[in-house]
Amino acid sequence: MILNTITLILAFSFIFYGISCLLSKHMVLEFERFGLKNQRVLTGILQLLGGFGLLVGWYFKIYIVAFLAALGLGLLMFLGFGVRIKIKDTVLQALPSLIFGILNMYLAYVYFNMIL
């Protein structure tokens, strides 16, 4: 139950955020603030792939896909946390990326154990 809930929340969050990265003027400004103007589109695509990877892996019980998606999203979020620390955002501003990173690594751990 908790696995399903976390998977679905994260999957839809990353799909939404990926679309936002690709289409939102606000995200253009955010990535400029991060000093990552040229990485916005790549980040959006990776988040869409990760979000859909979580959904596909979970729904079709292809746990290797869910594992890889969660692992990739976790790494992406830890990098995002590092960027926010580097640009001196507040802890409150950086905290969501850390929490999403931890949750994705938890999913990666669980899905990895389901593969074995």
PDB file of N, CA and C in Angstrom:
ATOM      1  N   MET A   1       0.817  -1.202   0.000  1.00  0.00           N
ATOM      2  CA  MET A   1       0.000   0.000   0.000  1.00  0.00           C
ATOM      3  C   MET A   1       0.860   1.265   0.000  1.00  0.00           C
ATOM      4  N   ILE A   2       1.826   1.348   0.922  1.00  0.00           N
ATOM      5  CA  ILE A   2       2.684   2.523   0.998  1.00  0.00           C
ATOM      6  C   ILE A   2       3.551   2.631  -0.258  1.00  0.00           C
ATOM      7  N   LEU A   3       4.014   1.475  -0.760  1.00  0.00           N
ATOM      8  CA  LEU A   3       4.817   1.471  -1.985  1.00  0.00           C
ATOM      9  C   LEU A   3       4.013   2.043  -3.148  1.00  0.00           C
ATOM     10  N   ASN A   4       2.777   1.595  -3.279  1.00  0.00           N
ATOM     11  CA  ASN A   4       1.914   2.089  -4.358  1.00  0.00           C
ATOM     12  C   ASN A   4       1.705   3.594  -4.238  1.00  0.00           C
ATOM     13  N   THR A   5       1.428   4.052  -3.030  1.00  0.00           N
ATOM     14  CA  THR A   5       1.153   5.473  -2.793  1.00  0.00           C
ATOM     15  C   THR A   5       2.367   6.327  -3.128  1.00  0.00           C
ATOM     16  N   ILE A   6       3.528   5.949  -2.607  1.00  0.00           N
ATOM     17  CA  ILE A   6       4.744   6.728  -2.871  1.00  0.00           C
ATOM     18  C   ILE A   6       5.074   6.711  -4.361  1.00  0.00           C
ATOM     19  N   THR A   7       4.951   5.539  -4.980  1.00  0.00           N
ATOM     20  CA  THR A   7       5.248   5.430  -6.414  1.00  0.00           C
ATOM     21  C   THR A   7       4.349   6.351  -7.228  1.00  0.00           C
ATOM     22  N   LEU A   8       3.060   6.323  -6.956  1.00  0.00           N
ATOM     23  CA  LEU A   8       2.124   7.139  -7.739  1.00  0.00           C
ATOM     24  C   LEU A   8       2.324   8.633  -7.494  1.00  0.00           C
ATOM     25  N   ILE A   9       2.533   9.015  -6.244  1.00  0.00           N
ATOM     26  CA  ILE A   9       2.757  10.433  -5.945  1.00  0.00           C
ATOM     27  C   ILE A   9       4.009  10.929  -6.653  1.00  0.00           C
ATOM     28  N   LEU A  10       5.091  10.155  -6.554  1.00  0.00           N
ATOM     29  CA  LEU A  10       6.339  10.581  -7.193  1.00  0.00           C
ATOM     30  C   LEU A  10       6.219  10.573  -8.710  1.00  0.00           C
ATOM     31  N   ALA A  11       5.610   9.543  -9.262  1.00  0.00           N
ATOM     32  CA  ALA A  11       5.474   9.462 -10.718  1.00  0.00           C
ATOM     33  C   ALA A  11       4.733  10.677 -11.265  1.00  0.00           C
ATOM     34  N   PHE A  12       3.583  10.991 -10.685  1.00  0.00           N
ATOM     35  CA  PHE A  12       2.800  12.118 -11.194  1.00  0.00           C
ATOM     36  C   PHE A  12       3.471  13.459 -10.893  1.00  0.00           C
ATOM     37  N   SER A  13       4.173  13.549  -9.769  1.00  0.00           N
ATOM     38  CA  SER A  13       4.915  14.778  -9.459  1.00  0.00           C
ATOM     39  C   SER A  13       5.987  15.041 -10.511  1.00  0.00           C
ATOM     40  N   PHE A  14       6.725  13.994 -10.879  1.00  0.00           N
ATOM     41  CA  PHE A  14       7.794  14.185 -11.857  1.00  0.00           C
ATOM     42  C   PHE A  14       7.253  14.408 -13.265  1.00  0.00           C
ATOM     43  N   ILE A  15       6.142  13.798 -13.591  1.00  0.00           N
ATOM     44  CA  ILE A  15       5.528  14.070 -14.894  1.00  0.00           C
ATOM     45  C   ILE A  15       5.096  15.537 -14.955  1.00  0.00           C
ATOM     46  N   PHE A  16       4.458  16.000 -13.898  1.00  0.00           N
ATOM     47  CA  PHE A  16       4.034  17.401 -13.848  1.00  0.00           C
ATOM     48  C   PHE A  16       5.242  18.335 -13.904  1.00  0.00           C
ATOM     49  N   TYR A  17       6.258  18.047 -13.112  1.00  0.00           N
ATOM     50  CA  TYR A  17       7.437  18.911 -13.072  1.00  0.00           C
ATOM     51  C   TYR A  17       8.187  18.871 -14.408  1.00  0.00           C
ATOM     52  N   GLY A  18       8.249  17.712 -15.040  1.00  0.00           N
ATOM     53  CA  GLY A  18       8.907  17.601 -16.342  1.00  0.00           C
ATOM     54  C   GLY A  18       8.220  18.451 -17.391  1.00  0.00           C
ATOM     55  N   ILE A  19       6.886  18.407 -17.406  1.00  0.00           N
ATOM     56  CA  ILE A  19       6.121  19.248 -18.342  1.00  0.00           C
ATOM     57  C   ILE A  19       6.370  20.719 -18.030  1.00  0.00           C
ATOM     58  N   SER A  20       6.390  21.033 -16.740  1.00  0.00           N
ATOM     59  CA  SER A  20       6.644  22.409 -16.318  1.00  0.00           C
ATOM     60  C   SER A  20       8.022  22.886 -16.769  1.00  0.00           C
ATOM     61  N   CYS A  21       9.026  22.017 -16.656  1.00  0.00           N
ATOM     62  CA  CYS A  21      10.380  22.378 -17.102  1.00  0.00           C
ATOM     63  C   CYS A  21      10.401  22.719 -18.590  1.00  0.00           C
ATOM     64  N   LEU A  22       9.619  22.012 -19.344  1.00  0.00           N
ATOM     65  CA  LEU A  22       9.626  22.205 -20.797  1.00  0.00           C
ATOM     66  C   LEU A  22       8.789  23.396 -21.246  1.00  0.00           C
ATOM     67  N   LEU A  23       7.737  23.737 -20.507  1.00  0.00           N
ATOM     68  CA  LEU A  23       6.770  24.709 -21.010  1.00  0.00           C
ATOM     69  C   LEU A  23       6.637  25.997 -20.205  1.00  0.00           C
ATOM     70  N   SER A  24       7.086  26.015 -18.969  1.00  0.00           N
ATOM     71  CA  SER A  24       6.817  27.129 -18.076  1.00  0.00           C
ATOM     72  C   SER A  24       7.878  28.229 -18.170  1.00  0.00           C
ATOM     73  N   LYS A  25       7.416  29.465 -18.301  1.00  0.00           N
ATOM     74  CA  LYS A  25       8.326  30.625 -18.279  1.00  0.00           C
ATOM     75  C   LYS A  25       9.005  30.731 -16.918  1.00  0.00           C
ATOM     76  N   HIS A  26       8.276  30.385 -15.862  1.00  0.00           N
ATOM     77  CA  HIS A  26       8.845  30.420 -14.515  1.00  0.00           C
ATOM     78  C   HIS A  26      10.056  29.496 -14.409  1.00  0.00           C
ATOM     79  N   MET A  27       9.961  28.319 -15.023  1.00  0.00           N
ATOM     80  CA  MET A  27      11.079  27.371 -14.959  1.00  0.00           C
ATOM     81  C   MET A  27      12.271  27.855 -15.782  1.00  0.00           C
ATOM     82  N   VAL A  28      12.008  28.589 -16.849  1.00  0.00           N
ATOM     83  CA  VAL A  28      13.111  29.199 -17.608  1.00  0.00           C
ATOM     84  C   VAL A  28      13.892  30.115 -16.677  1.00  0.00           C
ATOM     85  N   LEU A  29      13.174  30.947 -15.924  1.00  0.00           N
ATOM     86  CA  LEU A  29      13.819  31.874 -14.992  1.00  0.00           C
ATOM     87  C   LEU A  29      14.528  31.128 -13.862  1.00  0.00           C
ATOM     88  N   GLU A  30      13.909  30.062 -13.359  1.00  0.00           N
ATOM     89  CA  GLU A  30      14.530  29.286 -12.284  1.00  0.00           C
ATOM     90  C   GLU A  30      15.843  28.657 -12.734  1.00  0.00           C
ATOM     91  N   PHE A  31      15.850  28.075 -13.913  1.00  0.00           N
ATOM     92  CA  PHE A  31      17.075  27.438 -14.400  1.00  0.00           C
ATOM     93  C   PHE A  31      18.157  28.475 -14.699  1.00  0.00           C
ATOM     94  N   GLU A  32      17.766  29.672 -15.093  1.00  0.00           N
ATOM     95  CA  GLU A  32      18.748  30.752 -15.232  1.00  0.00           C
ATOM     96  C   GLU A  32      19.320  31.107 -13.865  1.00  0.00           C
ATOM     97  N   ARG A  33      18.461  31.163 -12.846  1.00  0.00           N
ATOM     98  CA  ARG A  33      18.902  31.460 -11.481  1.00  0.00           C
ATOM     99  C   ARG A  33      19.842  30.370 -10.970  1.00  0.00           C
ATOM    100  N   PHE A  34      19.561  29.134 -11.345  1.00  0.00           N
ATOM    101  CA  PHE A  34      20.408  28.010 -10.933  1.00  0.00           C
ATOM    102  C   PHE A  34      21.754  28.013 -11.661  1.00  0.00           C
ATOM    103  N   GLY A  35      21.852  28.788 -12.753  1.00  0.00           N
ATOM    104  CA  GLY A  35      23.052  28.754 -13.582  1.00  0.00           C
ATOM    105  C   GLY A  35      23.066  27.537 -14.497  1.00  0.00           C
ATOM    106  N   LEU A  36      21.878  27.022 -14.803  1.00  0.00           N
ATOM    107  CA  LEU A  36      21.743  25.801 -15.612  1.00  0.00           C
ATOM    108  C   LEU A  36      20.800  26.017 -16.793  1.00  0.00           C
ATOM    109  N   LYS A  37      20.891  27.169 -17.403  1.00  0.00           N
ATOM    110  CA  LYS A  37      19.971  27.526 -18.493  1.00  0.00           C
ATOM    111  C   LYS A  37      19.923  26.452 -19.583  1.00  0.00           C
ATOM    112  N   ASN A  38      21.069  25.889 -19.913  1.00  0.00           N
ATOM    113  CA  ASN A  38      21.128  24.912 -21.012  1.00  0.00           C
ATOM    114  C   ASN A  38      20.701  23.509 -20.601  1.00  0.00           C
ATOM    115  N   GLN A  39      20.464  23.272 -19.322  1.00  0.00           N
ATOM    116  CA  GLN A  39      20.077  21.937 -18.860  1.00  0.00           C
ATOM    117  C   GLN A  39      18.575  21.800 -18.592  1.00  0.00           C
ATOM    118  N   ARG A  40      17.802  22.862 -18.785  1.00  0.00           N
ATOM    119  CA  ARG A  40      16.373  22.828 -18.468  1.00  0.00           C
ATOM    120  C   ARG A  40      15.627  21.772 -19.289  1.00  0.00           C
ATOM    121  N   VAL A  41      15.840  21.749 -20.589  1.00  0.00           N
ATOM    122  CA  VAL A  41      15.116  20.804 -21.452  1.00  0.00           C
ATOM    123  C   VAL A  41      15.528  19.370 -21.111  1.00  0.00           C
ATOM    124  N   LEU A  42      16.822  19.131 -20.941  1.00  0.00           N
ATOM    125  CA  LEU A  42      17.288  17.791 -20.572  1.00  0.00           C
ATOM    126  C   LEU A  42      16.680  17.360 -19.239  1.00  0.00           C
ATOM    127  N   THR A  43      16.654  18.265 -18.281  1.00  0.00           N
ATOM    128  CA  THR A  43      16.073  17.946 -16.974  1.00  0.00           C
ATOM    129  C   THR A  43      14.599  17.596 -17.117  1.00  0.00           C
ATOM    130  N   GLY A  44      13.872  18.365 -17.896  1.00  0.00           N
ATOM    131  CA  GLY A  44      12.453  18.085 -18.116  1.00  0.00           C
ATOM    132  C   GLY A  44      12.231  16.725 -18.756  1.00  0.00           C
ATOM    133  N   ILE A  45      13.030  16.408 -19.754  1.00  0.00           N
ATOM    134  CA  ILE A  45      12.905  15.109 -20.436  1.00  0.00           C
ATOM    135  C   ILE A  45      13.243  13.972 -19.480  1.00  0.00           C
ATOM    136  N   LEU A  46      14.312  14.131 -18.696  1.00  0.00           N
ATOM    137  CA  LEU A  46      14.685  13.082 -17.738  1.00  0.00           C
ATOM    138  C   LEU A  46      13.604  12.890 -16.683  1.00  0.00           C
ATOM    139  N   GLN A  47      12.980  13.978 -16.260  1.00  0.00           N
ATOM    140  CA  GLN A  47      11.915  13.846 -15.267  1.00  0.00           C
ATOM    141  C   GLN A  47      10.685  13.173 -15.862  1.00  0.00           C
ATOM    142  N   LEU A  48      10.363  13.490 -17.098  1.00  0.00           N
ATOM    143  CA  LEU A  48       9.247  12.797 -17.759  1.00  0.00           C
ATOM    144  C   LEU A  48       9.545  11.307 -17.916  1.00  0.00           C
ATOM    145  N   LEU A  49      10.742  10.989 -18.371  1.00  0.00           N
ATOM    146  CA  LEU A  49      11.118   9.578 -18.525  1.00  0.00           C
ATOM    147  C   LEU A  49      11.080   8.856 -17.186  1.00  0.00           C
ATOM    148  N   GLY A  50      11.593   9.504 -16.142  1.00  0.00           N
ATOM    149  CA  GLY A  50      11.578   8.894 -14.818  1.00  0.00           C
ATOM    150  C   GLY A  50      10.168   8.698 -14.285  1.00  0.00           C
ATOM    151  N   GLY A  51       9.334   9.706 -14.445  1.00  0.00           N
ATOM    152  CA  GLY A  51       7.950   9.599 -13.981  1.00  0.00           C
ATOM    153  C   GLY A  51       7.193   8.500 -14.706  1.00  0.00           C
ATOM    154  N   PHE A  52       7.316   8.464 -16.022  1.00  0.00           N
ATOM    155  CA  PHE A  52       6.650   7.401 -16.781  1.00  0.00           C
ATOM    156  C   PHE A  52       7.286   6.042 -16.504  1.00  0.00           C
ATOM    157  N   GLY A  53       8.600   6.018 -16.272  1.00  0.00           N
ATOM    158  CA  GLY A  53       9.273   4.772 -15.910  1.00  0.00           C
ATOM    159  C   GLY A  53       8.743   4.197 -14.608  1.00  0.00           C
ATOM    160  N   LEU A  54       8.508   5.068 -13.631  1.00  0.00           N
ATOM    161  CA  LEU A  54       7.914   4.601 -12.371  1.00  0.00           C
ATOM    162  C   LEU A  54       6.525   4.012 -12.610  1.00  0.00           C
ATOM    163  N   LEU A  55       5.709   4.720 -13.396  1.00  0.00           N
ATOM    164  CA  LEU A  55       4.344   4.237 -13.670  1.00  0.00           C
ATOM    165  C   LEU A  55       4.351   2.901 -14.410  1.00  0.00           C
ATOM    166  N   VAL A  56       5.135   2.821 -15.458  1.00  0.00           N
ATOM    167  CA  VAL A  56       5.184   1.594 -16.265  1.00  0.00           C
ATOM    168  C   VAL A  56       5.733   0.431 -15.444  1.00  0.00           C
ATOM    169  N   GLY A  57       6.831   0.681 -14.744  1.00  0.00           N
ATOM    170  CA  GLY A  57       7.431  -0.381 -13.928  1.00  0.00           C
ATOM    171  C   GLY A  57       6.502  -0.875 -12.846  1.00  0.00           C
ATOM    172  N   TRP A  58       5.797   0.049 -12.204  1.00  0.00           N
ATOM    173  CA  TRP A  58       4.868  -0.322 -11.129  1.00  0.00           C
ATOM    174  C   TRP A  58       3.638  -1.035 -11.702  1.00  0.00           C
ATOM    175  N   TYR A  59       3.000  -0.454 -12.706  1.00  0.00           N
ATOM    176  CA  TYR A  59       1.745  -0.986 -13.241  1.00  0.00           C
ATOM    177  C   TYR A  59       1.937  -2.363 -13.879  1.00  0.00           C
ATOM    178  N   PHE A  60       2.984  -2.505 -14.672  1.00  0.00           N
ATOM    179  CA  PHE A  60       3.208  -3.761 -15.376  1.00  0.00           C
ATOM    180  C   PHE A  60       4.121  -4.717 -14.611  1.00  0.00           C
ATOM    181  N   LYS A  61       4.498  -4.324 -13.399  1.00  0.00           N
ATOM    182  CA  LYS A  61       5.360  -5.149 -12.542  1.00  0.00           C
ATOM    183  C   LYS A  61       6.697  -5.493 -13.218  1.00  0.00           C
ATOM    184  N   ILE A  62       7.222  -4.508 -13.939  1.00  0.00           N
ATOM    185  CA  ILE A  62       8.551  -4.629 -14.543  1.00  0.00           C
ATOM    186  C   ILE A  62       9.487  -3.869 -13.603  1.00  0.00           C
ATOM    187  N   TYR A  63       9.876  -4.556 -12.543  1.00  0.00           N
ATOM    188  CA  TYR A  63      10.536  -3.884 -11.432  1.00  0.00           C
ATOM    189  C   TYR A  63      11.902  -3.306 -11.784  1.00  0.00           C
ATOM    190  N   ILE A  64      12.558  -3.851 -12.783  1.00  0.00           N
ATOM    191  CA  ILE A  64      13.837  -3.281 -13.208  1.00  0.00           C
ATOM    192  C   ILE A  64      13.626  -1.872 -13.765  1.00  0.00           C
ATOM    193  N   VAL A  65      12.522  -1.654 -14.460  1.00  0.00           N
ATOM    194  CA  VAL A  65      12.206  -0.326 -15.000  1.00  0.00           C
ATOM    195  C   VAL A  65      11.912   0.645 -13.856  1.00  0.00           C
ATOM    196  N   ALA A  66      11.112   0.187 -12.880  1.00  0.00           N
ATOM    197  CA  ALA A  66      10.807   1.041 -11.726  1.00  0.00           C
ATOM    198  C   ALA A  66      12.077   1.352 -10.938  1.00  0.00           C
ATOM    199  N   PHE A  67      12.938   0.353 -10.774  1.00  0.00           N
ATOM    200  CA  PHE A  67      14.199   0.550 -10.058  1.00  0.00           C
ATOM    201  C   PHE A  67      15.064   1.597 -10.757  1.00  0.00           C
ATOM    202  N   LEU A  68      15.263   1.444 -12.063  1.00  0.00           N
ATOM    203  CA  LEU A  68      16.108   2.375 -12.810  1.00  0.00           C
ATOM    204  C   LEU A  68      15.528   3.788 -12.809  1.00  0.00           C
ATOM    205  N   ALA A  69      14.209   3.891 -12.936  1.00  0.00           N
ATOM    206  CA  ALA A  69      13.559   5.205 -12.910  1.00  0.00           C
ATOM    207  C   ALA A  69      13.748   5.869 -11.548  1.00  0.00           C
ATOM    208  N   ALA A  70      13.506   5.119 -10.483  1.00  0.00           N
ATOM    209  CA  ALA A  70      13.657   5.681  -9.135  1.00  0.00           C
ATOM    210  C   ALA A  70      15.102   6.064  -8.855  1.00  0.00           C
ATOM    211  N   LEU A  71      16.034   5.219  -9.272  1.00  0.00           N
ATOM    212  CA  LEU A  71      17.452   5.508  -9.066  1.00  0.00           C
ATOM    213  C   LEU A  71      17.856   6.789  -9.811  1.00  0.00           C
ATOM    214  N   GLY A  72      17.452   6.891 -11.069  1.00  0.00           N
ATOM    215  CA  GLY A  72      17.772   8.077 -11.856  1.00  0.00           C
ATOM    216  C   GLY A  72      17.160   9.340 -11.281  1.00  0.00           C
ATOM    217  N   LEU A  73      15.898   9.252 -10.872  1.00  0.00           N
ATOM    218  CA  LEU A  73      15.246  10.424 -10.283  1.00  0.00           C
ATOM    219  C   LEU A  73      15.877  10.794  -8.946  1.00  0.00           C
ATOM    220  N   GLY A  74      16.255   9.795  -8.177  1.00  0.00           N
ATOM    221  CA  GLY A  74      16.931  10.067  -6.911  1.00  0.00           C
ATOM    222  C   GLY A  74      18.234  10.815  -7.129  1.00  0.00           C
ATOM    223  N   LEU A  75      19.028  10.349  -8.079  1.00  0.00           N
ATOM    224  CA  LEU A  75      20.289  11.027  -8.383  1.00  0.00           C
ATOM    225  C   LEU A  75      20.038  12.448  -8.891  1.00  0.00           C
ATOM    226  N   LEU A  76      19.037  12.603  -9.734  1.00  0.00           N
ATOM    227  CA  LEU A  76      18.686  13.922 -10.248  1.00  0.00           C
ATOM    228  C   LEU A  76      18.301  14.872  -9.116  1.00  0.00           C
ATOM    229  N   MET A  77      17.551  14.373  -8.150  1.00  0.00           N
ATOM    230  CA  MET A  77      17.123  15.208  -7.029  1.00  0.00           C
ATOM    231  C   MET A  77      18.275  15.547  -6.090  1.00  0.00           C
ATOM    232  N   PHE A  78      19.189  14.606  -5.869  1.00  0.00           N
ATOM    233  CA  PHE A  78      20.355  14.920  -5.042  1.00  0.00           C
ATOM    234  C   PHE A  78      21.232  15.968  -5.725  1.00  0.00           C
ATOM    235  N   LEU A  79      21.337  15.883  -7.043  1.00  0.00           N
ATOM    236  CA  LEU A  79      22.071  16.922  -7.781  1.00  0.00           C
ATOM    237  C   LEU A  79      21.352  18.269  -7.662  1.00  0.00           C
ATOM    238  N   GLY A  80      20.031  18.224  -7.746  1.00  0.00           N
ATOM    239  CA  GLY A  80      19.241  19.447  -7.575  1.00  0.00           C
ATOM    240  C   GLY A  80      19.420  20.048  -6.189  1.00  0.00           C
ATOM    241  N   PHE A  81      19.479  19.197  -5.184  1.00  0.00           N
ATOM    242  CA  PHE A  81      19.724  19.664  -3.816  1.00  0.00           C
ATOM    243  C   PHE A  81      21.091  20.344  -3.740  1.00  0.00           C
ATOM    244  N   GLY A  82      22.087  19.721  -4.356  1.00  0.00           N
ATOM    245  CA  GLY A  82      23.430  20.300  -4.368  1.00  0.00           C
ATOM    246  C   GLY A  82      23.462  21.662  -5.049  1.00  0.00           C
ATOM    247  N   VAL A  83      22.736  21.789  -6.155  1.00  0.00           N
ATOM    248  CA  VAL A  83      22.675  23.071  -6.865  1.00  0.00           C
ATOM    249  C   VAL A  83      22.061  24.129  -5.963  1.00  0.00           C
ATOM    250  N   ARG A  84      20.988  23.779  -5.277  1.00  0.00           N
ATOM    251  CA  ARG A  84      20.318  24.754  -4.412  1.00  0.00           C
ATOM    252  C   ARG A  84      21.210  25.183  -3.248  1.00  0.00           C
ATOM    253  N   ILE A  85      21.989  24.246  -2.723  1.00  0.00           N
ATOM    254  CA  ILE A  85      22.937  24.601  -1.664  1.00  0.00           C
ATOM    255  C   ILE A  85      24.026  25.512  -2.232  1.00  0.00           C
ATOM    256  N   LYS A  86      24.511  25.171  -3.420  1.00  0.00           N
ATOM    257  CA  LYS A  86      25.586  25.944  -4.057  1.00  0.00           C
ATOM    258  C   LYS A  86      25.176  27.394  -4.315  1.00  0.00           C
ATOM    259  N   ILE A  87      23.924  27.597  -4.736  1.00  0.00           N
ATOM    260  CA  ILE A  87      23.479  28.965  -5.024  1.00  0.00           C
ATOM    261  C   ILE A  87      22.941  29.666  -3.772  1.00  0.00           C
ATOM    262  N   LYS A  88      23.096  28.993  -2.631  1.00  0.00           N
ATOM    263  CA  LYS A  88      22.753  29.562  -1.328  1.00  0.00           C
ATOM    264  C   LYS A  88      21.254  29.796  -1.130  1.00  0.00           C
ATOM    265  N   ASP A  89      20.432  28.885  -1.670  1.00  0.00           N
ATOM    266  CA  ASP A  89      19.017  28.900  -1.329  1.00  0.00           C
ATOM    267  C   ASP A  89      18.877  28.540   0.152  1.00  0.00           C
ATOM    268  N   THR A  90      17.751  28.881   0.715  1.00  0.00           N
ATOM    269  CA  THR A  90      17.509  28.525   2.111  1.00  0.00           C
ATOM    270  C   THR A  90      17.282  27.020   2.224  1.00  0.00           C
ATOM    271  N   VAL A  91      17.383  26.519   3.443  1.00  0.00           N
ATOM    272  CA  VAL A  91      17.120  25.101   3.688  1.00  0.00           C
ATOM    273  C   VAL A  91      15.695  24.764   3.271  1.00  0.00           C
ATOM    274  N   LEU A  92      14.766  25.653   3.547  1.00  0.00           N
ATOM    275  CA  LEU A  92      13.365  25.420   3.177  1.00  0.00           C
ATOM    276  C   LEU A  92      13.198  25.310   1.660  1.00  0.00           C
ATOM    277  N   GLN A  93      13.946  26.102   0.908  1.00  0.00           N
ATOM    278  CA  GLN A  93      13.880  26.026  -0.550  1.00  0.00           C
ATOM    279  C   GLN A  93      14.533  24.744  -1.072  1.00  0.00           C
ATOM    280  N   ALA A  94      15.575  24.276  -0.400  1.00  0.00           N
ATOM    281  CA  ALA A  94      16.313  23.089  -0.851  1.00  0.00           C
ATOM    282  C   ALA A  94      15.686  21.785  -0.366  1.00  0.00           C
ATOM    283  N   LEU A  95      14.913  21.854   0.703  1.00  0.00           N
ATOM    284  CA  LEU A  95      14.378  20.641   1.333  1.00  0.00           C
ATOM    285  C   LEU A  95      13.541  19.746   0.421  1.00  0.00           C
ATOM    286  N   PRO A  96      12.661  20.278  -0.424  1.00  0.00           N
ATOM    287  CA  PRO A  96      11.877  19.382  -1.289  1.00  0.00           C
ATOM    288  C   PRO A  96      12.743  18.478  -2.163  1.00  0.00           C
ATOM    289  N   SER A  97      13.822  19.015  -2.733  1.00  0.00           N
ATOM    290  CA  SER A  97      14.672  18.175  -3.578  1.00  0.00           C
ATOM    291  C   SER A  97      15.335  17.074  -2.759  1.00  0.00           C
ATOM    292  N   LEU A  98      15.717  17.375  -1.525  1.00  0.00           N
ATOM    293  CA  LEU A  98      16.303  16.353  -0.657  1.00  0.00           C
ATOM    294  C   LEU A  98      15.278  15.279  -0.314  1.00  0.00           C
ATOM    295  N   ILE A  99      14.073  15.691   0.032  1.00  0.00           N
ATOM    296  CA  ILE A  99      13.016  14.726   0.379  1.00  0.00           C
ATOM    297  C   ILE A  99      12.681  13.853  -0.830  1.00  0.00           C
ATOM    298  N   PHE A 100      12.548  14.459  -2.003  1.00  0.00           N
ATOM    299  CA  PHE A 100      12.261  13.675  -3.211  1.00  0.00           C
ATOM    300  C   PHE A 100      13.416  12.724  -3.530  1.00  0.00           C
ATOM    301  N   GLY A 101      14.634  13.165  -3.296  1.00  0.00           N
ATOM    302  CA  GLY A 101      15.794  12.292  -3.500  1.00  0.00           C
ATOM    303  C   GLY A 101      15.759  11.089  -2.572  1.00  0.00           C
ATOM    304  N   ILE A 102      15.481  11.322  -1.308  1.00  0.00           N
ATOM    305  CA  ILE A 102      15.415  10.234  -0.325  1.00  0.00           C
ATOM    306  C   ILE A 102      14.283   9.268  -0.659  1.00  0.00           C
ATOM    307  N   LEU A 103      13.114   9.800  -1.000  1.00  0.00           N
ATOM    308  CA  LEU A 103      11.976   8.932  -1.347  1.00  0.00           C
ATOM    309  C   LEU A 103      12.271   8.090  -2.582  1.00  0.00           C
ATOM    310  N   ASN A 104      12.913   8.681  -3.570  1.00  0.00           N
ATOM    311  CA  ASN A 104      13.252   7.907  -4.773  1.00  0.00           C
ATOM    312  C   ASN A 104      14.284   6.832  -4.469  1.00  0.00           C
ATOM    313  N   MET A 105      15.244   7.123  -3.610  1.00  0.00           N
ATOM    314  CA  MET A 105      16.232   6.102  -3.247  1.00  0.00           C
ATOM    315  C   MET A 105      15.581   4.981  -2.437  1.00  0.00           C
ATOM    316  N   TYR A 106      14.590   5.334  -1.625  1.00  0.00           N
ATOM    317  CA  TYR A 106      13.822   4.307  -0.919  1.00  0.00           C
ATOM    318  C   TYR A 106      13.115   3.404  -1.936  1.00  0.00           C
ATOM    319  N   LEU A 107      12.454   4.019  -2.922  1.00  0.00           N
ATOM    320  CA  LEU A 107      11.792   3.217  -3.965  1.00  0.00           C
ATOM    321  C   LEU A 107      12.798   2.360  -4.718  1.00  0.00           C
ATOM    322  N   ALA A 108      13.942   2.928  -5.054  1.00  0.00           N
ATOM    323  CA  ALA A 108      14.972   2.163  -5.771  1.00  0.00           C
ATOM    324  C   ALA A 108      15.379   0.942  -4.945  1.00  0.00           C
ATOM    325  N   TYR A 109      15.560   1.117  -3.650  1.00  0.00           N
ATOM    326  CA  TYR A 109      15.924   0.021  -2.753  1.00  0.00           C
ATOM    327  C   TYR A 109      14.837  -1.061  -2.752  1.00  0.00           C
ATOM    328  N   VAL A 110      13.588  -0.643  -2.611  1.00  0.00           N
ATOM    329  CA  VAL A 110      12.483  -1.606  -2.554  1.00  0.00           C
ATOM    330  C   VAL A 110      12.355  -2.343  -3.889  1.00  0.00           C
ATOM    331  N   TYR A 111      12.376  -1.604  -5.001  1.00  0.00           N
ATOM    332  CA  TYR A 111      12.236  -2.250  -6.307  1.00  0.00           C
ATOM    333  C   TYR A 111      13.425  -3.134  -6.623  1.00  0.00           C
ATOM    334  N   PHE A 112      14.617  -2.750  -6.186  1.00  0.00           N
ATOM    335  CA  PHE A 112      15.788  -3.595  -6.386  1.00  0.00           C
ATOM    336  C   PHE A 112      15.601  -4.939  -5.679  1.00  0.00           C
ATOM    337  N   ASN A 113      15.089  -4.891  -4.461  1.00  0.00           N
ATOM    338  CA  ASN A 113      14.852  -6.135  -3.711  1.00  0.00           C
ATOM    339  C   ASN A 113      13.751  -6.981  -4.341  1.00  0.00           C
ATOM    340  N   MET A 114      12.851  -6.353  -5.068  1.00  0.00           N
ATOM    341  CA  MET A 114      11.783  -7.106  -5.752  1.00  0.00           C
ATOM    342  C   MET A 114      12.335  -7.799  -7.003  1.00  0.00           C
ATOM    343  N   ILE A 115      13.436  -7.277  -7.541  1.00  0.00           N
ATOM    344  CA  ILE A 115      14.063  -7.897  -8.708  1.00  0.00           C
ATOM    345  C   ILE A 115      14.746  -9.202  -8.308  1.00  0.00           C
ATOM    346  N   LEU A 116      15.371  -9.179  -7.136  1.00  0.00           N
ATOM    347  CA  LEU A 116      16.152 -10.353  -6.686  1.00  0.00           C
ATOM    348  C   LEU A 116      15.311 -11.570  -6.418  1.00  0.00           C
TER     349      LEU A 116
END
